[in-house]
C-alpha atoms as a PDB file:
ATOM      1  CA  MET A   1      38.581 -46.608   5.680  1.00  0.00           C
ATOM      2  CA  SER A   2      36.849 -48.545   8.577  1.00  0.00           C
ATOM      3  CA  ARG A   3      33.595 -50.144   8.139  1.00  0.00           C
ATOM      4  CA  ALA A   4      30.727 -50.014  10.545  1.00  0.00           C
ATOM      5  CA  GLU A   5      29.864 -53.335  12.234  1.00  0.00           C
ATOM      6  CA  PRO A   6      26.717 -55.033  11.407  1.00  0.00           C
ATOM      7  CA  GLY A   7      23.932 -54.010  13.631  1.00  0.00           C
ATOM      8  CA  ALA A   8      25.540 -50.828  14.705  1.00  0.00           C
ATOM      9  CA  ALA A   9      23.562 -47.567  14.794  1.00  0.00           C
ATOM     10  CA  PRO A  10      24.335 -45.219  12.030  1.00  0.00           C
ATOM     11  CA  ALA A  11      26.418 -42.183  12.822  1.00  0.00           C
ATOM     12  CA  PRO A  12      24.480 -39.221  13.528  1.00  0.00           C
ATOM     13  CA  VAL A  13      24.098 -36.578  10.935  1.00  0.00           C
ATOM     14  CA  PRO A  14      25.136 -33.018  11.796  1.00  0.00           C
ATOM     15  CA  ALA A  15      22.244 -30.588  12.063  1.00  0.00           C
ATOM     16  CA  SER A  16      24.089 -28.253   9.718  1.00  0.00           C
ATOM     17  CA  ALA A  17      23.782 -30.898   6.982  1.00  0.00           C
ATOM     18  CA  VAL A  18      20.012 -31.240   7.080  1.00  0.00           C
ATOM     19  CA  ARG A  19      18.891 -27.762   8.189  1.00  0.00           C
ATOM     20  CA  PRO A  20      19.144 -25.005   5.450  1.00  0.00           C
ATOM     21  CA  PRO A  21      21.246 -21.955   6.225  1.00  0.00           C
ATOM     22  CA  ARG A  22      19.520 -19.345   8.332  1.00  0.00           C
ATOM     23  CA  ALA A  23      19.374 -16.781   5.198  1.00  0.00           C
ATOM     24  CA  VAL A  24      17.484 -19.492   3.298  1.00  0.00           C
ATOM     25  CA  TRP A  25      14.777 -19.532   6.165  1.00  0.00           C
ATOM     26  CA  ARG A  26      14.528 -15.738   6.047  1.00  0.00           C
ATOM     27  CA  LEU A  27      14.153 -15.746   2.105  1.00  0.00           C
ATOM     28  CA  SER A  28      11.696 -18.735   2.269  1.00  0.00           C
ATOM     29  CA  LEU A  29       9.617 -16.964   5.016  1.00  0.00           C
ATOM     30  CA  PHE A  30       9.261 -13.722   3.130  1.00  0.00           C
ATOM     31  CA  ARG A  31       8.719 -15.472  -0.124  1.00  0.00           C
ATOM     32  CA  ASN A  32       5.890 -17.768   1.416  1.00  0.00           C
ATOM     33  CA  GLU A  33       4.118 -14.826   2.973  1.00  0.00           C
ATOM     34  CA  ILE A  34       4.144 -12.807  -0.262  1.00  0.00           C
ATOM     35  CA  THR A  35       2.966 -15.798  -2.262  1.00  0.00           C
ATOM     36  CA  THR A  36       0.192 -16.605   0.108  1.00  0.00           C
ATOM     37  CA  VAL A  37      -1.132 -13.124   0.265  1.00  0.00           C
ATOM     38  CA  PHE A  38      -1.214 -12.503  -3.441  1.00  0.00           C
ATOM     39  CA  ARG A  39      -2.752 -15.973  -4.210  1.00  0.00           C
ATOM     40  CA  ARG A  40      -5.913 -15.237  -2.160  1.00  0.00           C
ATOM     41  CA  TRP A  41      -9.113 -14.446  -3.849  1.00  0.00           C
ATOM     42  CA  ARG A  42      -9.588 -11.588  -1.571  1.00  0.00           C
ATOM     43  CA  THR A  43      -6.391  -9.816  -2.623  1.00  0.00           C
ATOM     44  CA  LEU A  44      -7.041 -10.272  -6.211  1.00  0.00           C
ATOM     45  CA  ALA A  45     -10.551  -8.856  -5.776  1.00  0.00           C
ATOM     46  CA  LEU A  46      -9.097  -5.772  -4.041  1.00  0.00           C
ATOM     47  CA  LEU A  47      -6.611  -5.232  -6.850  1.00  0.00           C
ATOM     48  CA  GLY A  48      -9.339  -5.748  -9.302  1.00  0.00           C
ATOM     49  CA  VAL A  49     -11.459  -3.134  -7.770  1.00  0.00           C
ATOM     50  CA  LEU A  50      -8.572  -0.710  -7.755  1.00  0.00           C
ATOM     51  CA  ALA A  51      -7.865  -1.394 -11.419  1.00  0.00           C
ATOM     52  CA  ALA A  52     -11.508  -0.669 -12.165  1.00  0.00           C
ATOM     53  CA  VAL A  53     -11.570   2.813 -10.610  1.00  0.00           C
ATOM     54  CA  PRO A  54      -9.357   4.473 -13.422  1.00  0.00           C
ATOM     55  CA  VAL A  55     -11.482   2.873 -16.082  1.00  0.00           C
ATOM     56  CA  LEU A  56     -14.738   4.365 -14.480  1.00  0.00           C
ATOM     57  CA  VAL A  57     -13.143   7.723 -14.087  1.00  0.00           C
ATOM     58  CA  GLY A  58     -11.798   7.809 -17.660  1.00  0.00           C
ATOM     59  CA  ILE A  59     -15.121   6.620 -19.130  1.00  0.00           C
ATOM     60  CA  ALA A  60     -17.045   9.270 -17.011  1.00  0.00           C
ATOM     61  CA  VAL A  61     -14.534  12.077 -18.160  1.00  0.00           C
ATOM     62  CA  LYS A  62     -15.063  10.794 -21.770  1.00  0.00           C
ATOM     63  CA  ILE A  63     -18.780  10.817 -21.689  1.00  0.00           C
ATOM     64  CA  GLU A  64     -18.964  14.220 -20.018  1.00  0.00           C
ATOM     65  CA  THR A  65     -16.628  15.822 -22.773  1.00  0.00           C
ATOM     66  CA  SER A  66     -18.123  14.128 -25.554  1.00  0.00           C
ATOM     67  CA  ASP A  67     -20.123  17.319 -26.455  1.00  0.00           C
ATOM     68  CA  GLY A  68     -16.889  18.637 -27.796  1.00  0.00           C
ATOM     69  CA  ASP A  69     -16.444  21.520 -25.247  1.00  0.00           C
ATOM     70  CA  GLY A  70     -13.410  19.711 -23.803  1.00  0.00           C
ATOM     71  CA  SER A  71     -14.189  20.577 -20.255  1.00  0.00           C
ATOM     72  CA  PHE A  72     -15.487  18.173 -17.461  1.00  0.00           C
ATOM     73  CA  GLY A  73     -18.633  18.775 -15.647  1.00  0.00           C
ATOM     74  CA  GLY A  74     -20.647  20.686 -18.320  1.00  0.00           C
ATOM     75  CA  GLY A  75     -17.941  23.460 -18.904  1.00  0.00           C
ATOM     76  CA  SER A  76     -17.388  24.445 -15.175  1.00  0.00           C
ATOM     77  CA  GLY A  77     -13.988  22.871 -15.065  1.00  0.00           C
ATOM     78  CA  GLY A  78     -12.350  21.926 -11.741  1.00  0.00           C
ATOM     79  CA  GLU A  79     -15.126  19.555 -10.681  1.00  0.00           C
ATOM     80  CA  GLY A  80     -14.041  16.019  -9.511  1.00  0.00           C
ATOM     81  CA  PRO A  81     -10.695  14.940  -8.180  1.00  0.00           C
ATOM     82  CA  ALA A  82      -7.553  16.997  -8.588  1.00  0.00           C
ATOM     83  CA  PHE A  83      -6.121  17.092 -12.135  1.00  0.00           C
ATOM     84  CA  ILE A  84      -9.283  15.692 -13.682  1.00  0.00           C
ATOM     85  CA  SER A  85      -9.895  18.919 -15.733  1.00  0.00           C
ATOM     86  CA  GLN A  86      -6.457  18.237 -17.556  1.00  0.00           C
ATOM     87  CA  VAL A  87      -7.298  14.644 -18.533  1.00  0.00           C
ATOM     88  CA  THR A  88      -9.085  15.463 -21.827  1.00  0.00           C
ATOM     89  CA  ASN A  89      -5.827  17.282 -22.929  1.00  0.00           C
ATOM     90  CA  ASN A  90      -3.292  14.690 -21.798  1.00  0.00           C
ATOM     91  CA  GLY A  91      -4.323  10.999 -20.810  1.00  0.00           C
ATOM     92  CA  LEU A  92      -1.308  11.048 -18.472  1.00  0.00           C
ATOM     93  CA  PHE A  93      -3.194  13.159 -16.135  1.00  0.00           C
ATOM     94  CA  LEU A  94      -5.690  10.360 -15.608  1.00  0.00           C
ATOM     95  CA  VAL A  95      -2.823   8.628 -13.495  1.00  0.00           C
ATOM     96  CA  PHE A  96      -2.658  11.669 -11.219  1.00  0.00           C
ATOM     97  CA  ALA A  97      -6.393  11.984 -11.000  1.00  0.00           C
ATOM     98  CA  SER A  98      -6.823   8.385 -10.246  1.00  0.00           C
ATOM     99  CA  LEU A  99      -4.435   8.338  -7.483  1.00  0.00           C
ATOM    100  CA  ALA A 100      -5.822  11.245  -5.943  1.00  0.00           C
ATOM    101  CA  ALA A 101      -9.348   9.746  -6.241  1.00  0.00           C
ATOM    102  CA  THR A 102      -8.202   6.369  -4.624  1.00  0.00           C
ATOM    103  CA  LEU A 103      -5.812   7.697  -2.140  1.00  0.00           C
ATOM    104  CA  PRO A 104      -8.318   9.134   0.396  1.00  0.00           C
ATOM    105  CA  PHE A 105     -10.325   5.928   0.868  1.00  0.00           C
ATOM    106  CA  PHE A 106      -9.903   3.007  -1.712  1.00  0.00           C
ATOM    107  CA  LEU A 107      -6.114   2.384  -1.360  1.00  0.00           C
ATOM    108  CA  PRO A 108      -5.905   2.742   2.370  1.00  0.00           C
ATOM    109  CA  MET A 109      -8.984   0.545   2.782  1.00  0.00           C
ATOM    110  CA  ALA A 110      -7.339  -2.205   0.688  1.00  0.00           C
ATOM    111  CA  ILE A 111      -4.031  -1.888   2.884  1.00  0.00           C
ATOM    112  CA  GLY A 112      -6.096  -1.897   6.117  1.00  0.00           C
ATOM    113  CA  VAL A 113      -7.839  -5.144   4.988  1.00  0.00           C
ATOM    114  CA  ILE A 114      -4.403  -6.882   4.307  1.00  0.00           C
ATOM    115  CA  ALA A 115      -2.577  -5.393   7.263  1.00  0.00           C
ATOM    116  CA  GLY A 116      -5.664  -6.023   9.751  1.00  0.00           C
ATOM    117  CA  ASP A 117      -5.829  -9.817   8.598  1.00  0.00           C
ATOM    118  CA  SER A 118      -2.159 -10.410   8.753  1.00  0.00           C
ATOM    119  CA  ILE A 119      -1.826 -11.730  12.394  1.00  0.00           C
ATOM    120  CA  ALA A 120      -5.446 -11.951  13.525  1.00  0.00           C
ATOM    121  CA  GLY A 121      -6.318 -13.999  10.324  1.00  0.00           C
ATOM    122  CA  GLU A 122      -3.796 -16.482  11.138  1.00  0.00           C
ATOM    123  CA  ALA A 123      -4.962 -16.719  14.695  1.00  0.00           C
ATOM    124  CA  GLY A 124      -8.571 -17.077  13.906  1.00  0.00           C
ATOM    125  CA  SER A 125      -7.919 -19.873  11.267  1.00  0.00           C
ATOM    126  CA  GLY A 126      -5.594 -21.679  13.783  1.00  0.00           C
ATOM    127  CA  THR A 127      -2.610 -21.546  11.686  1.00  0.00           C
ATOM    128  CA  LEU A 128      -0.567 -18.920  13.705  1.00  0.00           C
ATOM    129  CA  ARG A 129       0.817 -21.405  16.256  1.00  0.00           C
ATOM    130  CA  TYR A 130       1.981 -23.701  13.581  1.00  0.00           C
ATOM    131  CA  LEU A 131       3.723 -20.777  11.898  1.00  0.00           C
ATOM    132  CA  LEU A 132       5.473 -20.130  15.277  1.00  0.00           C
ATOM    133  CA  VAL A 133       6.654 -23.673  15.553  1.00  0.00           C
ATOM    134  CA  ALA A 134       8.973 -23.153  12.451  1.00  0.00           C
ATOM    135  CA  PRO A 135      12.460 -21.701  13.376  1.00  0.00           C
ATOM    136  CA  ALA A 136      11.374 -18.319  12.125  1.00  0.00           C
ATOM    137  CA  GLY A 137      10.715 -16.586  15.487  1.00  0.00           C
ATOM    138  CA  ARG A 138       8.067 -14.148  16.259  1.00  0.00           C
ATOM    139  CA  THR A 139      10.105 -11.074  15.443  1.00  0.00           C
ATOM    140  CA  ARG A 140      10.969 -12.360  11.970  1.00  0.00           C
ATOM    141  CA  LEU A 141       7.332 -13.430  11.319  1.00  0.00           C
ATOM    142  CA  LEU A 142       6.024 -10.209  12.250  1.00  0.00           C
ATOM    143  CA  LEU A 143       8.640  -8.528  10.042  1.00  0.00           C
ATOM    144  CA  ALA A 144       7.700 -10.857   7.110  1.00  0.00           C
ATOM    145  CA  LYS A 145       4.052  -9.846   7.712  1.00  0.00           C
ATOM    146  CA  PHE A 146       4.858  -6.092   7.648  1.00  0.00           C
ATOM    147  CA  THR A 147       7.058  -6.420   4.541  1.00  0.00           C
ATOM    148  CA  THR A 148       4.333  -8.239   2.699  1.00  0.00           C
ATOM    149  CA  THR A 149       1.892  -5.468   3.465  1.00  0.00           C
ATOM    150  CA  VAL A 150       4.358  -2.806   2.327  1.00  0.00           C
ATOM    151  CA  VAL A 151       4.837  -4.813  -0.968  1.00  0.00           C
ATOM    152  CA  PHE A 152       1.083  -4.897  -1.291  1.00  0.00           C
ATOM    153  CA  CYS A 153       1.074  -1.033  -0.900  1.00  0.00           C
ATOM    154  CA  LEU A 154       3.390  -0.843  -3.742  1.00  0.00           C
ATOM    155  CA  ALA A 155       1.596  -3.362  -5.876  1.00  0.00           C
ATOM    156  CA  ALA A 156      -1.840  -1.691  -5.219  1.00  0.00           C
ATOM    157  CA  THR A 157      -0.519   1.763  -6.202  1.00  0.00           C
ATOM    158  CA  LEU A 158       1.069   0.350  -9.357  1.00  0.00           C
ATOM    159  CA  VAL A 159      -2.162  -1.301 -10.344  1.00  0.00           C
ATOM    160  CA  VAL A 160      -3.957   2.050 -10.158  1.00  0.00           C
ATOM    161  CA  ALA A 161      -1.242   3.943 -11.944  1.00  0.00           C
ATOM    162  CA  CYS A 162      -0.737   1.288 -14.783  1.00  0.00           C
ATOM    163  CA  SER A 163      -4.571   0.878 -15.330  1.00  0.00           C
ATOM    164  CA  ALA A 164      -4.959   4.677 -15.488  1.00  0.00           C
ATOM    165  CA  LEU A 165      -2.090   5.063 -17.880  1.00  0.00           C
ATOM    166  CA  LEU A 166      -3.563   2.354 -20.131  1.00  0.00           C
ATOM    167  CA  VAL A 167      -7.033   3.953 -20.145  1.00  0.00           C
ATOM    168  CA  GLY A 168      -5.699   7.326 -20.499  1.00  0.00           C
ATOM    169  CA  ALA A 169      -3.758   6.289 -23.635  1.00  0.00           C
ATOM    170  CA  LEU A 170      -6.801   4.610 -25.185  1.00  0.00           C
ATOM    171  CA  LEU A 171      -9.337   7.477 -24.743  1.00  0.00           C
ATOM    172  CA  PHE A 172      -7.231  10.640 -24.580  1.00  0.00           C
ATOM    173  CA  PRO A 173      -4.374  12.041 -26.468  1.00  0.00           C
ATOM    174  CA  LEU A 174      -0.754  11.866 -25.004  1.00  0.00           C
ATOM    175  CA  GLY A 175       1.928  14.401 -25.294  1.00  0.00           C
ATOM    176  CA  ASP A 176       3.981  17.161 -23.493  1.00  0.00           C
ATOM    177  CA  VAL A 177       2.821  17.785 -19.889  1.00  0.00           C
ATOM    178  CA  THR A 178       2.001  21.203 -18.561  1.00  0.00           C
ATOM    179  CA  LEU A 179       2.886  21.220 -15.005  1.00  0.00           C
ATOM    180  CA  ILE A 180       0.935  23.044 -12.110  1.00  0.00           C
ATOM    181  CA  SER A 181       3.671  25.827 -12.197  1.00  0.00           C
ATOM    182  CA  GLY A 182       2.865  26.412 -15.950  1.00  0.00           C
ATOM    183  CA  THR A 183       6.142  24.738 -17.219  1.00  0.00           C
ATOM    184  CA  THR A 184       5.736  22.395 -20.084  1.00  0.00           C
ATOM    185  CA  VAL A 185       7.832  19.229 -19.991  1.00  0.00           C
ATOM    186  CA  SER A 186       8.207  16.252 -22.366  1.00  0.00           C
ATOM    187  CA  PHE A 187       6.037  13.175 -22.122  1.00  0.00           C
ATOM    188  CA  GLY A 188       9.064  11.103 -20.854  1.00  0.00           C
ATOM    189  CA  ASP A 189       9.736  13.724 -18.041  1.00  0.00           C
ATOM    190  CA  GLY A 190       5.963  13.633 -17.064  1.00  0.00           C
ATOM    191  CA  LEU A 191       6.111   9.738 -17.167  1.00  0.00           C
ATOM    192  CA  LEU A 192       9.069   9.730 -14.797  1.00  0.00           C
ATOM    193  CA  ARG A 193       7.213  12.243 -12.472  1.00  0.00           C
ATOM    194  CA  GLY A 194       4.245   9.819 -12.504  1.00  0.00           C
ATOM    195  CA  VAL A 195       6.545   6.901 -11.378  1.00  0.00           C
ATOM    196  CA  ALA A 196       7.823   9.036  -8.639  1.00  0.00           C
ATOM    197  CA  ILE A 197       4.303  10.083  -7.691  1.00  0.00           C
ATOM    198  CA  ALA A 198       3.280   6.352  -7.482  1.00  0.00           C
ATOM    199  CA  GLY A 199       6.298   5.764  -5.206  1.00  0.00           C
ATOM    200  CA  VAL A 200       5.413   8.548  -2.861  1.00  0.00           C
ATOM    201  CA  VAL A 201       1.582   7.449  -2.768  1.00  0.00           C
ATOM    202  CA  ALA A 202       2.910   3.839  -1.904  1.00  0.00           C
ATOM    203  CA  ALA A 203       5.104   5.265   0.958  1.00  0.00           C
ATOM    204  CA  SER A 204       2.138   7.308   2.157  1.00  0.00           C
ATOM    205  CA  LEU A 205       0.269   4.049   2.987  1.00  0.00           C
ATOM    206  CA  ILE A 206       3.049   2.771   5.378  1.00  0.00           C
ATOM    207  CA  GLY A 207       1.507   4.415   8.384  1.00  0.00           C
ATOM    208  CA  VAL A 208      -1.841   2.769   7.657  1.00  0.00           C
ATOM    209  CA  ALA A 209       0.085  -0.680   7.275  1.00  0.00           C
ATOM    210  CA  ALA A 210       1.802  -0.236  10.636  1.00  0.00           C
ATOM    211  CA  LEU A 211      -1.397   0.746  12.312  1.00  0.00           C
ATOM    212  CA  GLY A 212      -3.278  -2.223  10.938  1.00  0.00           C
ATOM    213  CA  LEU A 213      -0.529  -4.522  11.957  1.00  0.00           C
ATOM    214  CA  PHE A 214      -0.709  -3.357  15.411  1.00  0.00           C
ATOM    215  CA  VAL A 215      -4.563  -3.839  15.486  1.00  0.00           C
ATOM    216  CA  SER A 216      -4.070  -7.163  14.023  1.00  0.00           C
ATOM    217  CA  THR A 217      -1.988  -8.275  17.144  1.00  0.00           C
ATOM    218  CA  LEU A 218      -4.699  -7.238  19.550  1.00  0.00           C
ATOM    219  CA  THR A 219      -7.413  -9.652  18.501  1.00  0.00           C
ATOM    220  CA  GLY A 220      -7.932 -13.293  17.198  1.00  0.00           C
ATOM    221  CA  SER A 221     -10.570 -12.319  14.682  1.00  0.00           C
ATOM    222  CA  GLY A 222      -9.514 -11.144  11.261  1.00  0.00           C
ATOM    223  CA  ILE A 223     -12.758  -9.630  10.445  1.00  0.00           C
ATOM    224  CA  ALA A 224     -12.614  -7.518  13.817  1.00  0.00           C
ATOM    225  CA  ALA A 225      -9.139  -6.485  12.971  1.00  0.00           C
ATOM    226  CA  MET A 226     -10.075  -5.346   9.431  1.00  0.00           C
ATOM    227  CA  ALA A 227     -13.089  -3.512  10.526  1.00  0.00           C
ATOM    228  CA  THR A 228     -11.170  -1.790  13.305  1.00  0.00           C
ATOM    229  CA  THR A 229      -8.472  -0.723  11.053  1.00  0.00           C
ATOM    230  CA  VAL A 230     -10.867   0.679   8.401  1.00  0.00           C
ATOM    231  CA  GLY A 231     -13.008   2.384  11.243  1.00  0.00           C
ATOM    232  CA  LEU A 232      -9.913   4.128  12.506  1.00  0.00           C
ATOM    233  CA  LEU A 233      -8.940   5.183   9.009  1.00  0.00           C
ATOM    234  CA  ILE A 234     -12.382   6.734   8.420  1.00  0.00           C
ATOM    235  CA  THR A 235     -12.207   8.475  11.937  1.00  0.00           C
ATOM    236  CA  VAL A 236      -8.953   9.964  11.291  1.00  0.00           C
ATOM    237  CA  GLN A 237     -10.002  11.226   7.845  1.00  0.00           C
ATOM    238  CA  ILE A 238     -12.950  13.020   9.442  1.00  0.00           C
ATOM    239  CA  LEU A 239     -10.805  14.496  12.151  1.00  0.00           C
ATOM    240  CA  ASP A 240      -8.479  15.987   9.473  1.00  0.00           C
ATOM    241  CA  GLN A 241     -11.378  17.940   7.853  1.00  0.00           C
ATOM    242  CA  PHE A 242     -12.245  19.959  11.061  1.00  0.00           C
ATOM    243  CA  PRO A 243     -10.496  23.401  11.095  1.00  0.00           C
ATOM    244  CA  GLN A 244     -10.797  23.467  15.032  1.00  0.00           C
ATOM    245  CA  LEU A 245      -8.376  20.605  15.146  1.00  0.00           C
ATOM    246  CA  HIS A 246      -5.624  22.433  13.109  1.00  0.00           C
ATOM    247  CA  ALA A 247      -3.206  21.906  16.088  1.00  0.00           C
ATOM    248  CA  VAL A 248      -3.268  18.130  15.914  1.00  0.00           C
ATOM    249  CA  GLN A 249      -3.873  17.595  12.155  1.00  0.00           C
ATOM    250  CA  PRO A 250      -0.182  17.682  11.089  1.00  0.00           C
ATOM    251  CA  TYR A 251       0.336  14.570  13.208  1.00  0.00           C
ATOM    252  CA  LEU A 252      -2.428  12.647  11.623  1.00  0.00           C
ATOM    253  CA  PHE A 253      -1.219  10.161   8.873  1.00  0.00           C
ATOM    254  CA  PRO A 254      -3.386  11.338   6.018  1.00  0.00           C
ATOM    255  CA  HIS A 255      -2.747  14.926   6.522  1.00  0.00           C
ATOM    256  CA  TYR A 256       0.049  15.209   3.860  1.00  0.00           C
ATOM    257  CA  TRP A 257      -1.167  12.548   1.508  1.00  0.00           C
ATOM    258  CA  LEU A 258      -2.031  14.877  -1.379  1.00  0.00           C
ATOM    259  CA  SER A 259       1.447  16.367  -1.133  1.00  0.00           C
ATOM    260  CA  PHE A 260       2.430  14.181  -4.163  1.00  0.00           C
ATOM    261  CA  SER A 261       1.140  17.098  -6.328  1.00  0.00           C
ATOM    262  CA  ASP A 262       4.088  19.040  -5.474  1.00  0.00           C
ATOM    263  CA  LEU A 263       6.175  16.761  -7.813  1.00  0.00           C
ATOM    264  CA  LEU A 264       4.285  18.417 -10.700  1.00  0.00           C
ATOM    265  CA  ARG A 265       5.879  21.687 -10.144  1.00  0.00           C
ATOM    266  CA  ASP A 266       9.063  23.080 -11.402  1.00  0.00           C
ATOM    267  CA  PRO A 267      10.984  23.271  -9.281  1.00  0.00           C
ATOM    268  CA  VAL A 268       9.638  20.442  -7.066  1.00  0.00           C
ATOM    269  CA  TYR A 269       8.486  21.586  -3.683  1.00  0.00           C
ATOM    270  CA  TRP A 270       9.915  18.980  -1.247  1.00  0.00           C
ATOM    271  CA  ASP A 271       8.660  20.420   2.039  1.00  0.00           C
ATOM    272  CA  GLN A 272       5.397  18.761   2.327  1.00  0.00           C
ATOM    273  CA  ILE A 273       6.539  15.670   0.615  1.00  0.00           C
ATOM    274  CA  GLY A 274       9.279  15.394   3.272  1.00  0.00           C
ATOM    275  CA  ARG A 275       6.906  15.910   6.002  1.00  0.00           C
ATOM    276  CA  ASN A 276       4.636  13.283   4.729  1.00  0.00           C
ATOM    277  CA  LEU A 277       7.450  10.606   4.405  1.00  0.00           C
ATOM    278  CA  GLY A 278       8.660  11.603   7.832  1.00  0.00           C
ATOM    279  CA  LEU A 279       5.399  11.231   9.430  1.00  0.00           C
ATOM    280  CA  GLN A 280       4.805   7.718   7.818  1.00  0.00           C
ATOM    281  CA  ALA A 281       8.168   6.743   9.201  1.00  0.00           C
ATOM    282  CA  LEU A 282       7.273   7.880  12.565  1.00  0.00           C
ATOM    283  CA  TYR A 283       4.069   5.973  12.403  1.00  0.00           C
ATOM    284  CA  ALA A 284       5.744   2.964  11.322  1.00  0.00           C
ATOM    285  CA  ALA A 285       8.276   3.172  14.098  1.00  0.00           C
ATOM    286  CA  VAL A 286       5.663   3.800  16.861  1.00  0.00           C
ATOM    287  CA  PHE A 287       2.894   1.178  15.759  1.00  0.00           C
ATOM    288  CA  GLY A 288       5.703  -1.230  14.600  1.00  0.00           C
ATOM    289  CA  SER A 289       7.245  -1.247  17.929  1.00  0.00           C
ATOM    290  CA  ALA A 290       3.913  -1.481  19.570  1.00  0.00           C
ATOM    291  CA  ALA A 291       2.972  -4.512  17.514  1.00  0.00           C
ATOM    292  CA  TRP A 292       6.263  -6.127  18.345  1.00  0.00           C
ATOM    293  CA  ALA A 293       5.958  -5.588  21.886  1.00  0.00           C
ATOM    294  CA  ARG A 294       2.500  -7.038  21.851  1.00  0.00           C
ATOM    295  CA  PHE A 295       3.132  -9.986  19.557  1.00  0.00           C
ATOM    296  CA  THR A 296       6.302 -11.141  21.178  1.00  0.00           C
ATOM    297  CA  SER A 297       4.656 -11.249  24.655  1.00  0.00           C
ATOM    298  CA  LYS A 298       1.268 -12.523  23.478  1.00  0.00           C
ATOM    299  CA  ASP A 299       0.157 -16.035  24.634  1.00  0.00           C
ATOM    300  CA  VAL A 300      -0.688 -17.747  21.286  1.00  0.00           C
ATOM    301  CA  THR A 301      -3.225 -20.576  21.860  1.00  0.00           C
ATOM    302  CA  ALA A 302      -4.764 -20.652  18.381  1.00  0.00           C
END
C-alpha cells in the first residue's frame, strides 16, 4: 500500500460516501414536516378543540336526558346532529353524532388552517427559500406538505372519534348496535363500522386539503391563506344549501360529506360513498396539479 507524501492534499471523498441515499432524503423530509406540524402549539390547540366537541355533546345529551324520559330535546327526539337521539341507548352513537357535528365546519376549518399555512407560512417566516436549498426539490417539498396535511386529516378525525368513544363509554351504556336499516349487529361489528366511518370522513377532507394547498401557493402570508381557505369553505357550504343550484351541487366538495351514514345500513349503500371519494380524488388531482404548476414556477424570494 502506497503512502501519501507529506504535504500532499488528501484524496477527495466520493459524494456518495458523504451524502445519504436519495430514499433517506425523502423519508427525512416527510418525517421532518410531520414532526414540525404536530409540534406546533396551533396544531395541538386545534386537536384540543376537536377533542372537546364530543365532550360537550355528550354532557349536553346527558343533561337533557337526566329527567329519565330517555330522549334528547325534551322528548321531541330527532333534534340536534344526526344519530344524537340514539346516543342515550348506546354510547357508540356518540362517535357518529360527533363526526356528523364536526364535519360541516370544525374538521374542515382545522384542515384549512393547516393546509393554508403549509407554503404561505414558510414564505411569510422566511424559511421557504432555505427549505428549497436542500436537495429535496420543489415537487418533493410540495408532496411532503400535502402528505402531512392528509396525515393531519386522519389524526384530527381519529381524535374526534376516540374522544367520542371514551365519553360515550363513560356516560352511556354500550352494547349491540341497531343500524339505520333496523338490523341489529354486535358491538364489535358496530365498532368496525365506526373505524370505517372515520376513514371515510378523513378521506372526505382531502378536497379541502388540496384547495388549501393551492391557495397557500398564491400568497406569502399564512394568515391570508388560512382566511381565504376558510372563507372558500364557508362559501361553498352556503352554495350547497340553495335548491336553485342543484345542477352544480354534486360537484361541490362537501355535497356528499354525510354519505358516511350509509355505512350504518345493512347492506351498505356504496353509491353515495363512492361518489364522495371520487369527488375528493378529483379535487385533489385538479388543485394539486394547480398547486404544483404555481409552486414550481414561482419566484421564491422569502
